[in-house]
Structure formats: structure tokens, C-alpha cells
Protein backbone atom coordinates (compact mmCIF):
# COMPACT_ATOMS: atom_id res chain seq x y z
CA MET A 1 -74.07 216.84 93.84
CA LYS A 2 -74.59 213.13 93.42
CA PRO A 3 -72.88 211.46 90.48
CA ILE A 4 -74.59 212.15 87.17
CA ARG A 5 -76.28 209.05 85.83
CA GLU A 6 -75.89 208.52 82.09
CA SER A 7 -77.73 206.14 79.82
CA ASP A 8 -77.96 205.56 76.08
CA LEU A 9 -81.29 206.07 74.37
CA PRO A 10 -80.95 203.95 71.21
CA GLY A 11 -82.11 205.83 68.14
CA ILE A 12 -82.56 209.02 70.20
CA GLY A 13 -79.29 209.99 71.90
CA ARG A 14 -78.13 210.06 75.52
CA LYS A 15 -79.86 210.84 78.82
CA TYR A 16 -78.28 212.48 81.89
CA GLU A 17 -80.02 212.39 85.27
CA ILE A 18 -78.82 215.01 87.74
CA GLU A 19 -79.55 215.68 91.41
CA THR A 20 -78.08 218.87 92.91
CA TYR A 21 -76.86 219.46 96.45
CA SER A 22 -80.20 221.13 97.15
CA ARG A 23 -81.92 217.87 96.09
CA GLU A 24 -83.39 219.30 92.91
CA LYS A 25 -83.61 216.74 90.14
CA PHE A 26 -83.62 217.17 86.39
CA VAL A 27 -82.94 215.21 83.24
CA ILE A 28 -81.15 216.37 80.11
CA VAL A 29 -81.64 214.45 76.88
CA ILE A 30 -79.14 215.12 74.10
CA HIS A 31 -80.60 214.01 70.79
CA ASP A 32 -78.45 212.66 67.99
CA ASP A 33 -79.54 215.67 65.87
CA GLY A 34 -78.03 218.10 68.42
CA ARG A 35 -81.23 219.19 70.20
CA ARG A 36 -81.29 219.19 74.00
CA GLU A 37 -84.35 218.76 76.17
CA ILE A 38 -84.48 219.54 79.87
CA TYR A 39 -87.04 217.85 82.11
CA THR A 40 -87.90 218.13 85.77
CA PRO A 41 -90.14 215.84 87.87
CA ASP A 42 -93.79 216.86 88.01
CA ARG A 43 -94.36 218.27 91.51
CA GLU A 44 -97.75 216.55 91.73
CA ASP A 45 -96.58 213.19 90.36
CA PRO A 46 -92.82 212.64 90.82
CA ASP A 47 -92.96 209.58 88.52
CA GLU A 48 -93.87 211.89 85.62
CA SER A 49 -91.58 214.46 83.98
CA VAL A 50 -92.37 217.93 82.70
CA SER A 51 -90.42 219.46 79.81
CA ILE A 52 -89.04 222.84 80.78
CA ALA A 53 -86.99 223.64 77.65
CA THR A 54 -85.97 222.40 74.23
CA LEU A 55 -82.74 223.90 72.91
CA GLU A 56 -80.96 223.77 69.59
CA ASP A 57 -77.23 222.98 69.67
CA ASP A 58 -76.09 226.63 69.46
CA GLU A 59 -78.54 227.69 72.18
CA ALA A 60 -77.34 224.89 74.48
CA ARG A 61 -73.70 225.86 73.96
CA ALA A 62 -74.45 229.53 74.70
CA ILE A 63 -76.23 228.57 77.92
CA ALA A 64 -73.38 226.21 78.87
CA ALA A 65 -70.93 229.10 78.49
CA ILE A 66 -73.11 231.28 80.73
CA LEU A 67 -73.46 228.57 83.39
CA GLY A 68 -69.76 227.79 83.16
CA GLY A 69 -68.82 231.41 83.82
CA MET A 70 -67.35 232.19 80.39
CA ASN A 71 -69.46 235.33 79.93
CA TYR A 72 -69.81 236.72 83.43
CA LYS A 73 -68.24 235.92 86.74
CA PRO A 74 -69.93 237.20 89.92
CA LYS A 75 -67.78 239.70 91.81
CA ALA A 76 -67.60 237.35 94.79
CA MET A 77 -65.89 234.82 92.54
CA GLU A 78 -63.15 237.06 91.13
CA THR A 79 -60.48 234.79 92.56
CA ILE A 80 -62.36 231.52 92.47
CA GLU A 81 -60.28 228.46 92.08
CA VAL A 82 -61.36 224.97 91.25
CA ALA A 83 -59.02 222.43 92.81
CA LEU A 84 -58.59 219.10 91.07
CA ASN A 85 -55.94 217.37 93.17
CA ASP A 86 -52.97 219.69 92.50
CA LEU A 87 -54.50 221.36 89.43
CA ILE A 88 -56.00 224.80 90.03
CA ILE A 89 -58.06 226.78 87.52
CA GLU A 90 -58.25 230.53 88.14
CA TRP A 91 -59.46 233.66 86.39
CA TYR A 92 -57.07 236.64 86.12
CA ARG A 93 -58.20 240.02 84.84
CA ILE A 94 -55.56 241.82 82.76
CA ASP A 95 -55.63 245.51 83.64
CA THR A 96 -54.95 247.86 80.74
CA ASP A 97 -51.79 249.20 82.41
CA TYR A 98 -50.14 245.79 82.92
CA PRO A 99 -46.80 245.56 81.07
CA CYS A 100 -47.91 242.24 79.52
CA VAL A 101 -50.59 243.98 77.39
CA GLY A 102 -49.69 243.62 73.72
CA VAL A 103 -47.02 241.01 74.45
CA SER A 104 -47.46 237.46 73.15
CA ILE A 105 -47.63 234.39 75.37
CA GLY A 106 -44.45 233.14 73.69
CA GLU A 107 -42.58 236.42 74.21
CA LEU A 108 -43.49 236.34 77.90
CA GLY A 109 -42.36 232.71 78.13
CA VAL A 110 -45.46 231.77 80.10
CA ARG A 111 -45.03 227.98 79.94
CA GLN A 112 -41.23 228.05 80.25
CA LYS A 113 -41.11 230.50 83.16
CA THR A 114 -44.19 229.39 85.08
CA GLY A 115 -45.25 225.89 84.00
CA ALA A 116 -48.85 227.16 83.94
CA SER A 117 -51.15 227.26 80.90
CA ILE A 118 -53.46 229.96 79.59
CA ILE A 119 -56.51 228.01 78.47
CA ALA A 120 -58.77 230.87 77.36
CA ALA A 121 -59.15 234.64 77.15
CA VAL A 122 -62.56 236.28 77.61
CA TYR A 123 -63.04 239.85 76.42
CA PRO A 124 -65.25 242.59 77.90
CA ASP A 125 -67.71 242.20 74.99
CA HIS A 126 -68.08 238.52 76.04
CA THR A 127 -66.30 237.11 73.00
CA HIS A 128 -63.52 234.69 73.76
CA HIS A 129 -60.40 232.97 72.44
CA ILE A 130 -60.03 229.34 73.49
CA ASN A 131 -56.60 227.71 73.80
CA PRO A 132 -54.50 230.67 72.65
CA GLY A 133 -51.12 229.77 71.14
CA ALA A 134 -47.65 231.25 71.71
CA GLU A 135 -48.32 234.01 69.14
CA TYR A 136 -51.45 235.25 71.00
CA LYS A 137 -50.98 238.83 72.31
CA LEU A 138 -52.53 239.63 75.68
CA LYS A 139 -55.24 242.30 75.67
CA GLY A 140 -55.96 244.79 78.43
CA GLY A 141 -59.40 244.43 79.99
CA SER A 142 -59.61 240.73 79.15
CA THR A 143 -59.85 237.92 81.66
CA LEU A 144 -57.54 234.94 81.34
CA ILE A 145 -58.57 231.48 82.43
CA VAL A 146 -55.39 229.75 83.55
CA ALA A 147 -54.48 226.31 84.86
CA GLY A 148 -51.57 225.01 86.88
CA GLU A 149 -50.37 224.17 90.35
CA ARG A 150 -50.67 226.83 93.05
CA ASN A 151 -47.00 227.86 92.95
CA GLN A 152 -47.05 228.01 89.11
CA LEU A 153 -50.09 230.30 89.15
CA LYS A 154 -48.42 232.58 91.69
CA VAL A 155 -45.43 232.98 89.35
CA LEU A 156 -47.78 233.51 86.35
CA LYS A 157 -49.69 236.23 88.20
CA GLN A 158 -46.42 238.03 88.95
CA LEU A 159 -45.33 237.66 85.31
CA LEU A 160 -48.61 239.17 84.08
CA GLN A 161 -48.56 242.06 86.56
CA HIS A 162 -44.87 242.93 86.26
CA GLY A 163 -43.80 241.54 82.88
CA GLY A 164 -40.29 240.15 82.63
CA ARG A 165 -39.05 242.40 85.45
């Protein structure tokens, strides 16, 4: 994907122009009142744009969560990782028989023992808990979104699967 071009629209909001790897182009306008509009070039006249959707703030956030993988992750991406230099973001499913179920992040000593961070928990009903604190108790069947370096995540995975053993 080419860099996203941003520009202010005085009195309106902000415009983002995006071109994907597959060379598809679209524009997103975020209005100061929270609305979002999505445009694509007219196939017959590329200098003109066609509106494909207008979204209210809550609709846009729901769609962003879907696109970002917060609600559903394709099976092929069960162990996806996004590498940002040394930072890795992974998704770990907590099986109901893991010894960490019902234990808090603090009791497990996640940060102290691994150096990794749990940045969100997504539940089977698609609800989620963002940035859980030390008191947060892990739930079986949930998926954790975790961040850290590769060796930290390896230790975290072991801690989740085997508890303090």
C-alpha cells in the first residue's frame, strides 16, 4: 500500500486518500461532526468520485473493528503476527482447560515474568475488553491480543498454557 495522503478540509474535517496494493483507490472523509464518507473514483471518469457509503461514528467504529480483526479472525490467520521492528502483535486463544483461566493478569505476573503486554481480550460473543489491568481475570474461550518481542511472547504463551508451573 502506498502511503496514505492526508489533508485538512477547513470547516469540514479531514480527507484520507488511499491506494491499495491491488491499485484500488478510495477516499475517506471524516467530518468534524463524526460522520465518515467513503468515495471511490468513477470508473467512467476517474477525475470524478462516487460516494459508496456514509457512516455515523458508531457505525464507522464497528466496521473498523471488523476490518481490524477484533470480531473475527480467519482460520488461516490464527497465529498471525504483525512485526514492527522488534514488536510483535499476536492473537492467543485461551482454551477453557488452561490453568490460567480465572487467574488475574497480576496473579500470573504477566509483565514481570514475560515482559509482554496483554492489550485486549475478545470474547466468543464478540464483545471485548481493551487494555485489561492487573486485576483482570482471564476467561476460557476468549482470545487475547498480546504485544512484545518474539522471545517475550514465547514465554507468555507458555505461562498461559501451563500457568506458573
